[in-house]
């Protein structure tokens, strides 16, 4: 099964830093937010009735909010029954934002674990 989608992300970044040295103390606080339009696609392939693979990705920003944001996710899934599935995989999320002196340029990545319960 394949699907395409679109939407928007809402980002909010809050920073609170305090430095103390030899009796001198300085605090800095900052917060900012923005929206990014996104488009993406998802593919879900069933290997058999218990095991499936999911791949999903999106891209956005387009200089509307951030210059560029994107993410990619891949999981392998095991269904115990129609109501319970566990998932394990890997995800990468990247964003490049700079506006009005605020900068957030980061790539976050790592393993993901999931549990799906259907009612």
Protein backbone atom coordinates (compact mmCIF):
# COMPACT_ATOMS: atom_id res chain seq x y z
CA UNK A 1 0.00 0.00 0.00
CA UNK A 2 1.31 3.45 -0.89
CA UNK A 3 0.07 6.89 0.09
CA UNK A 4 1.03 10.51 -0.47
CA UNK A 5 0.30 13.23 2.04
CA UNK A 6 0.75 16.91 2.78
CA UNK A 7 0.36 19.14 5.79
CA UNK A 8 2.39 21.39 8.02
CA UNK A 9 4.71 21.12 11.00
CA UNK A 10 4.60 23.48 13.94
CA UNK A 11 8.01 24.04 15.53
CA UNK A 12 8.64 25.71 18.90
CA UNK A 13 12.16 26.12 20.24
CA UNK A 14 12.78 27.23 23.83
CA UNK A 15 16.26 27.84 25.25
CA UNK A 16 17.17 28.64 28.84
CA UNK A 17 20.89 28.81 29.67
CA UNK A 18 22.64 29.97 32.85
CA UNK A 19 26.41 30.43 33.25
CA UNK A 20 28.04 31.05 36.63
CA UNK A 21 31.77 31.72 37.05
CA UNK A 22 33.62 33.26 40.01
CA UNK A 23 30.53 34.91 41.40
CA UNK A 24 29.40 36.23 38.02
CA UNK A 25 26.13 34.85 36.70
CA UNK A 26 24.41 35.33 33.37
CA UNK A 27 21.10 33.92 32.14
CA UNK A 28 19.89 33.82 28.56
CA UNK A 29 16.38 32.87 27.47
CA UNK A 30 15.01 32.60 23.96
CA UNK A 31 11.95 31.13 22.33
CA UNK A 32 10.64 31.20 18.80
CA UNK A 33 8.25 29.24 16.62
CA UNK A 34 7.23 28.73 12.99
CA UNK A 35 5.21 26.58 10.59
CA UNK A 36 6.61 24.52 7.72
CA UNK A 37 4.50 23.18 4.84
CA UNK A 38 5.39 19.56 3.99
CA UNK A 39 4.72 16.89 1.37
CA UNK A 40 5.52 13.22 1.79
CA UNK A 41 4.93 9.62 0.88
CA UNK A 42 4.47 6.33 2.73
CA UNK A 43 4.80 2.73 1.55
CA UNK A 44 3.68 -0.29 3.61
CA UNK A 45 4.56 -3.76 2.35
CA UNK A 46 3.26 -6.97 3.97
CA UNK A 47 5.82 -9.77 3.81
CA UNK A 48 3.30 -12.20 5.28
CA UNK A 49 0.29 -11.98 7.62
CA UNK A 50 2.52 -11.19 10.65
CA UNK A 51 5.50 -9.20 9.33
CA UNK A 52 5.50 -5.94 7.37
CA UNK A 53 7.88 -3.14 6.42
CA UNK A 54 7.04 0.57 6.49
CA UNK A 55 9.00 3.35 4.78
CA UNK A 56 7.94 6.98 5.13
CA UNK A 57 9.50 10.31 4.25
CA UNK A 58 8.62 13.95 3.86
CA UNK A 59 10.23 17.20 2.86
CA UNK A 60 9.19 20.78 3.53
CA UNK A 61 10.03 24.27 4.61
CA UNK A 62 10.58 25.63 1.09
CA UNK A 63 11.78 28.93 2.67
CA UNK A 64 8.24 29.55 3.98
CA UNK A 65 9.32 28.75 7.56
CA UNK A 66 12.62 26.91 7.56
CA UNK A 67 14.85 26.79 4.51
CA UNK A 68 14.50 23.01 4.48
CA UNK A 69 13.17 20.27 6.72
CA UNK A 70 12.97 16.56 5.98
CA UNK A 71 12.56 13.25 7.72
CA UNK A 72 12.83 9.57 6.84
CA UNK A 73 11.52 6.57 8.80
CA UNK A 74 11.85 2.85 8.18
CA UNK A 75 10.38 0.15 10.44
CA UNK A 76 9.85 -3.57 10.52
CA UNK A 77 6.56 -4.51 12.17
CA UNK A 78 5.23 -7.66 13.79
CA UNK A 79 1.46 -8.12 14.24
CA UNK A 80 0.43 -10.40 17.09
CA UNK A 81 -3.20 -10.15 15.98
CA UNK A 82 -5.60 -7.61 14.39
CA UNK A 83 -5.34 -5.32 17.41
CA UNK A 84 -1.66 -5.39 18.52
CA UNK A 85 1.50 -4.61 16.51
CA UNK A 86 5.07 -3.84 17.62
CA UNK A 87 7.53 -1.90 15.47
CA UNK A 88 11.28 -1.26 15.47
CA UNK A 89 13.25 0.91 13.10
CA UNK A 90 15.30 4.03 12.51
CA UNK A 91 14.38 7.70 12.01
CA UNK A 92 16.25 10.79 10.78
CA UNK A 93 14.82 14.31 11.20
CA UNK A 94 16.61 17.39 9.87
CA UNK A 95 15.74 21.09 9.95
CA UNK A 96 17.58 24.22 8.78
CA UNK A 97 15.96 27.39 10.14
CA UNK A 98 17.33 30.92 10.37
CA UNK A 99 15.20 34.04 10.81
CA UNK A 100 15.45 37.30 12.76
CA UNK A 101 18.61 36.22 14.58
CA UNK A 102 17.20 32.83 15.59
CA UNK A 103 19.00 29.76 14.27
CA UNK A 104 18.05 26.10 14.57
CA UNK A 105 20.08 23.83 12.30
CA UNK A 106 20.00 20.24 13.52
CA UNK A 107 19.81 16.64 12.42
CA UNK A 108 18.35 14.21 14.94
CA UNK A 109 18.59 10.47 14.32
CA UNK A 110 18.29 7.18 16.10
CA UNK A 111 16.33 4.01 16.73
CA UNK A 112 12.54 4.00 17.21
CA UNK A 113 10.27 1.51 18.96
CA UNK A 114 6.51 1.51 18.59
CA UNK A 115 3.39 -0.19 19.84
CA UNK A 116 0.11 0.04 17.94
CA UNK A 117 -3.16 -0.84 19.67
CA UNK A 118 -6.28 -0.81 17.47
CA UNK A 119 -9.73 -0.44 19.01
